[in-house]
Amino acid sequence: MEIREDLWPVLYVRISGAVTDVGWRDMFAAYARFYAKKQRYLCITDASGLRSVPDAQARGLIASLAKVHEPDSRLWIWHSHVVFDSAIVRGAL
């Protein structure tokens, strides 16, 4: 996983391969740093390299972490785009 903030106020997140629970936790933990800037931003998540659908446990973790961040994400993320190559992954998520 790669997180680039050098294009700020555009945040670029690249997800590839298989992501572990630690990877998902690290990604969501990084968002706290961006919320602390107190600036609205555009988030582009390139998940075109994600080759498998996260299992039910991982999807539950992603949902719970997203819920914790929801108040800040509503306040600070101006817009978010997610790019998927796989129709299977796109449909599952």
N, C-alpha and C. Protein backbone atom coordinates (compact mmCIF):
# COMPACT_ATOMS: atom_id res chain seq x y z
N MET A 1 0.85 -1.16 0.00
CA MET A 1 0.00 0.00 0.00
C MET A 1 0.90 1.23 0.00
N GLU A 2 0.52 2.19 -0.82
CA GLU A 2 1.27 3.43 -0.93
C GLU A 2 0.31 4.59 -0.68
N ILE A 3 0.72 5.51 0.17
CA ILE A 3 -0.08 6.71 0.44
C ILE A 3 0.79 7.92 0.11
N ARG A 4 0.32 8.71 -0.86
CA ARG A 4 1.07 9.90 -1.27
C ARG A 4 0.28 11.14 -0.91
N GLU A 5 0.93 12.00 -0.17
CA GLU A 5 0.29 13.28 0.16
C GLU A 5 1.06 14.45 -0.44
N ASP A 6 2.04 14.18 -1.30
CA ASP A 6 2.81 15.25 -1.92
C ASP A 6 2.01 16.04 -2.95
N LEU A 7 0.82 15.57 -3.29
CA LEU A 7 -0.05 16.27 -4.24
C LEU A 7 -1.16 17.04 -3.51
N TRP A 8 -1.01 17.22 -2.21
CA TRP A 8 -2.02 17.83 -1.36
C TRP A 8 -2.57 19.10 -1.99
N PRO A 9 -3.85 19.29 -2.04
CA PRO A 9 -4.94 18.66 -1.30
C PRO A 9 -5.54 17.43 -1.99
N VAL A 10 -4.75 16.79 -2.85
CA VAL A 10 -5.17 15.51 -3.41
C VAL A 10 -4.37 14.43 -2.69
N LEU A 11 -5.07 13.49 -2.12
CA LEU A 11 -4.44 12.35 -1.45
C LEU A 11 -4.57 11.16 -2.38
N TYR A 12 -3.47 10.50 -2.66
CA TYR A 12 -3.46 9.35 -3.56
C TYR A 12 -3.09 8.11 -2.75
N VAL A 13 -3.99 7.14 -2.76
CA VAL A 13 -3.75 5.87 -2.05
C VAL A 13 -3.74 4.77 -3.10
N ARG A 14 -2.68 3.98 -3.13
CA ARG A 14 -2.58 2.87 -4.07
C ARG A 14 -2.57 1.57 -3.30
N ILE A 15 -3.53 0.72 -3.61
CA ILE A 15 -3.66 -0.58 -2.95
C ILE A 15 -3.36 -1.65 -3.98
N SER A 16 -2.45 -2.56 -3.64
CA SER A 16 -2.13 -3.62 -4.60
C SER A 16 -1.90 -4.93 -3.84
N GLY A 17 -2.03 -6.00 -4.60
CA GLY A 17 -1.81 -7.33 -4.02
C GLY A 17 -2.87 -7.68 -3.01
N ALA A 18 -2.46 -8.40 -2.00
CA ALA A 18 -3.35 -8.76 -0.89
C ALA A 18 -3.00 -7.89 0.30
N VAL A 19 -4.00 -7.33 0.95
CA VAL A 19 -3.77 -6.43 2.08
C VAL A 19 -4.13 -7.17 3.36
N THR A 20 -3.24 -7.10 4.34
CA THR A 20 -3.47 -7.74 5.64
C THR A 20 -4.29 -6.83 6.53
N ASP A 21 -4.76 -7.36 7.64
CA ASP A 21 -5.47 -6.54 8.63
C ASP A 21 -4.59 -5.38 9.09
N VAL A 22 -3.31 -5.65 9.26
CA VAL A 22 -2.37 -4.59 9.68
C VAL A 22 -2.33 -3.49 8.62
N GLY A 23 -2.33 -3.88 7.35
CA GLY A 23 -2.33 -2.89 6.27
C GLY A 23 -3.56 -2.01 6.28
N TRP A 24 -4.74 -2.62 6.49
CA TRP A 24 -5.98 -1.84 6.57
C TRP A 24 -5.94 -0.91 7.78
N ARG A 25 -5.47 -1.42 8.92
CA ARG A 25 -5.38 -0.58 10.13
C ARG A 25 -4.41 0.59 9.92
N ASP A 26 -3.28 0.31 9.28
CA ASP A 26 -2.30 1.37 9.01
C ASP A 26 -2.89 2.44 8.09
N MET A 27 -3.64 2.00 7.07
CA MET A 27 -4.23 2.96 6.15
C MET A 27 -5.20 3.89 6.89
N PHE A 28 -6.08 3.31 7.69
CA PHE A 28 -7.04 4.14 8.41
C PHE A 28 -6.36 5.00 9.47
N ALA A 29 -5.30 4.50 10.09
CA ALA A 29 -4.55 5.30 11.07
C ALA A 29 -3.92 6.52 10.40
N ALA A 30 -3.47 6.35 9.16
CA ALA A 30 -2.86 7.48 8.43
C ALA A 30 -3.87 8.60 8.21
N TYR A 31 -5.15 8.25 8.06
CA TYR A 31 -6.15 9.28 7.83
C TYR A 31 -6.20 10.30 8.97
N ALA A 32 -5.90 9.89 10.18
CA ALA A 32 -5.92 10.83 11.31
C ALA A 32 -4.95 11.99 11.06
N ARG A 33 -3.83 11.69 10.43
CA ARG A 33 -2.85 12.73 10.10
C ARG A 33 -3.44 13.75 9.11
N PHE A 34 -4.22 13.26 8.16
CA PHE A 34 -4.80 14.16 7.17
C PHE A 34 -5.94 14.98 7.77
N TYR A 35 -6.74 14.37 8.63
CA TYR A 35 -7.81 15.10 9.31
C TYR A 35 -7.24 16.21 10.18
N ALA A 36 -6.08 15.96 10.77
CA ALA A 36 -5.45 16.95 11.66
C ALA A 36 -5.04 18.21 10.91
N LYS A 37 -4.91 18.14 9.60
CA LYS A 37 -4.57 19.34 8.81
C LYS A 37 -5.72 20.33 8.79
N LYS A 38 -6.93 19.84 9.08
CA LYS A 38 -8.13 20.68 9.10
C LYS A 38 -8.33 21.39 7.76
N GLN A 39 -8.09 20.64 6.68
CA GLN A 39 -8.29 21.13 5.32
C GLN A 39 -9.08 20.08 4.54
N ARG A 40 -10.00 20.54 3.74
CA ARG A 40 -10.74 19.58 2.89
C ARG A 40 -9.81 19.08 1.79
N TYR A 41 -10.01 17.82 1.41
CA TYR A 41 -9.15 17.24 0.39
C TYR A 41 -9.90 16.22 -0.45
N LEU A 42 -9.32 15.89 -1.59
CA LEU A 42 -9.83 14.89 -2.51
C LEU A 42 -9.02 13.62 -2.30
N CYS A 43 -9.70 12.51 -2.15
CA CYS A 43 -9.02 11.23 -1.94
C CYS A 43 -9.24 10.34 -3.16
N ILE A 44 -8.16 9.95 -3.80
CA ILE A 44 -8.22 9.02 -4.93
C ILE A 44 -7.57 7.73 -4.47
N THR A 45 -8.36 6.66 -4.48
CA THR A 45 -7.85 5.35 -4.09
C THR A 45 -7.76 4.49 -5.35
N ASP A 46 -6.55 4.13 -5.71
CA ASP A 46 -6.32 3.28 -6.86
C ASP A 46 -6.20 1.85 -6.37
N ALA A 47 -7.29 1.13 -6.47
CA ALA A 47 -7.32 -0.27 -6.05
C ALA A 47 -7.26 -1.20 -7.26
N SER A 48 -6.76 -0.69 -8.37
CA SER A 48 -6.69 -1.51 -9.57
C SER A 48 -5.71 -2.67 -9.40
N GLY A 49 -4.81 -2.57 -8.47
CA GLY A 49 -3.86 -3.66 -8.21
C GLY A 49 -4.36 -4.67 -7.20
N LEU A 50 -5.54 -4.43 -6.64
CA LEU A 50 -6.11 -5.37 -5.67
C LEU A 50 -6.62 -6.58 -6.45
N ARG A 51 -6.04 -7.73 -6.20
CA ARG A 51 -6.34 -8.89 -7.04
C ARG A 51 -7.33 -9.88 -6.43
N SER A 52 -7.63 -9.70 -5.16
CA SER A 52 -8.60 -10.61 -4.56
C SER A 52 -9.53 -9.82 -3.65
N VAL A 53 -10.72 -10.35 -3.50
CA VAL A 53 -11.71 -9.71 -2.64
C VAL A 53 -11.33 -9.97 -1.19
N PRO A 54 -11.26 -8.93 -0.37
CA PRO A 54 -11.01 -9.17 1.05
C PRO A 54 -12.09 -10.11 1.61
N ASP A 55 -11.67 -11.01 2.49
CA ASP A 55 -12.64 -11.96 3.05
C ASP A 55 -13.61 -11.24 3.98
N ALA A 56 -14.61 -11.98 4.47
CA ALA A 56 -15.67 -11.37 5.28
C ALA A 56 -15.10 -10.70 6.53
N GLN A 57 -14.11 -11.31 7.14
CA GLN A 57 -13.50 -10.72 8.35
C GLN A 57 -12.83 -9.39 8.00
N ALA A 58 -12.09 -9.35 6.90
CA ALA A 58 -11.42 -8.11 6.49
C ALA A 58 -12.44 -7.04 6.11
N ARG A 59 -13.50 -7.43 5.40
CA ARG A 59 -14.54 -6.44 5.05
C ARG A 59 -15.20 -5.89 6.30
N GLY A 60 -15.40 -6.74 7.32
CA GLY A 60 -15.96 -6.27 8.59
C GLY A 60 -15.03 -5.28 9.27
N LEU A 61 -13.73 -5.58 9.22
CA LEU A 61 -12.74 -4.67 9.80
C LEU A 61 -12.75 -3.34 9.06
N ILE A 62 -12.76 -3.39 7.74
CA ILE A 62 -12.79 -2.15 6.94
C ILE A 62 -14.03 -1.33 7.28
N ALA A 63 -15.17 -1.99 7.39
CA ALA A 63 -16.42 -1.28 7.71
C ALA A 63 -16.35 -0.66 9.10
N SER A 64 -15.81 -1.39 10.07
CA SER A 64 -15.75 -0.84 11.44
C SER A 64 -14.76 0.33 11.52
N LEU A 65 -13.63 0.23 10.83
CA LEU A 65 -12.67 1.33 10.83
C LEU A 65 -13.25 2.55 10.11
N ALA A 66 -13.96 2.32 9.01
CA ALA A 66 -14.58 3.43 8.29
C ALA A 66 -15.62 4.13 9.16
N LYS A 67 -16.37 3.35 9.93
CA LYS A 67 -17.41 3.92 10.79
C LYS A 67 -16.79 4.83 11.86
N VAL A 68 -15.67 4.40 12.43
CA VAL A 68 -14.97 5.22 13.44
C VAL A 68 -14.55 6.56 12.84
N HIS A 69 -14.11 6.53 11.59
CA HIS A 69 -13.61 7.74 10.93
C HIS A 69 -14.70 8.56 10.25
N GLU A 70 -15.91 8.05 10.23
CA GLU A 70 -16.98 8.70 9.46
C GLU A 70 -17.18 10.19 9.79
N PRO A 71 -17.24 10.59 11.05
CA PRO A 71 -17.46 12.03 11.32
C PRO A 71 -16.36 12.91 10.71
N ASP A 72 -15.10 12.50 10.85
CA ASP A 72 -14.00 13.28 10.27
C ASP A 72 -14.00 13.21 8.76
N SER A 73 -14.28 12.03 8.20
CA SER A 73 -14.26 11.92 6.74
C SER A 73 -15.36 12.77 6.12
N ARG A 74 -16.52 12.83 6.76
CA ARG A 74 -17.60 13.68 6.24
C ARG A 74 -17.20 15.16 6.28
N LEU A 75 -16.44 15.52 7.29
CA LEU A 75 -16.03 16.92 7.45
C LEU A 75 -14.90 17.30 6.51
N TRP A 76 -13.90 16.44 6.34
CA TRP A 76 -12.67 16.84 5.67
C TRP A 76 -12.49 16.27 4.26
N ILE A 77 -13.11 15.15 3.92
CA ILE A 77 -12.95 14.63 2.57
C ILE A 77 -13.98 15.28 1.66
N TRP A 78 -13.48 16.11 0.74
CA TRP A 78 -14.37 16.82 -0.18
C TRP A 78 -15.04 15.83 -1.12
N HIS A 79 -14.25 14.92 -1.65
CA HIS A 79 -14.78 13.89 -2.54
C HIS A 79 -13.80 12.73 -2.56
N SER A 80 -14.30 11.56 -2.85
CA SER A 80 -13.47 10.37 -2.88
C SER A 80 -13.80 9.54 -4.12
N HIS A 81 -12.78 9.08 -4.78
CA HIS A 81 -12.93 8.22 -5.95
C HIS A 81 -12.15 6.94 -5.70
N VAL A 82 -12.72 5.81 -6.07
CA VAL A 82 -12.03 4.53 -5.96
C VAL A 82 -12.03 3.87 -7.32
N VAL A 83 -10.86 3.43 -7.76
CA VAL A 83 -10.70 2.80 -9.06
C VAL A 83 -10.43 1.31 -8.86
N PHE A 84 -11.25 0.48 -9.49
CA PHE A 84 -11.08 -0.98 -9.46
C PHE A 84 -10.92 -1.49 -10.88
N ASP A 85 -10.01 -2.40 -11.12
CA ASP A 85 -9.89 -3.08 -12.41
C ASP A 85 -10.86 -4.25 -12.50
N SER A 86 -10.99 -4.95 -11.41
CA SER A 86 -11.75 -6.20 -11.40
C SER A 86 -13.23 -5.96 -11.12
N ALA A 87 -14.07 -6.43 -12.03
CA ALA A 87 -15.51 -6.32 -11.81
C ALA A 87 -15.94 -7.15 -10.60
N ILE A 88 -15.24 -8.24 -10.34
CA ILE A 88 -15.55 -9.09 -9.18
C ILE A 88 -15.30 -8.33 -7.89
N VAL A 89 -14.12 -7.68 -7.81
CA VAL A 89 -13.79 -6.91 -6.61
C VAL A 89 -14.75 -5.73 -6.48
N ARG A 90 -15.01 -5.04 -7.57
CA ARG A 90 -15.93 -3.89 -7.56
C ARG A 90 -17.31 -4.30 -7.06
N GLY A 91 -17.80 -5.43 -7.51
CA GLY A 91 -19.11 -5.91 -7.09
C GLY A 91 -19.14 -6.34 -5.64
N ALA A 92 -18.06 -6.90 -5.16
CA ALA A 92 -18.02 -7.40 -3.78
C ALA A 92 -17.90 -6.27 -2.76
N LEU A 93 -17.30 -5.17 -3.17
CA LEU A 93 -17.08 -4.08 -2.23
C LEU A 93 -18.07 -2.97 -2.49
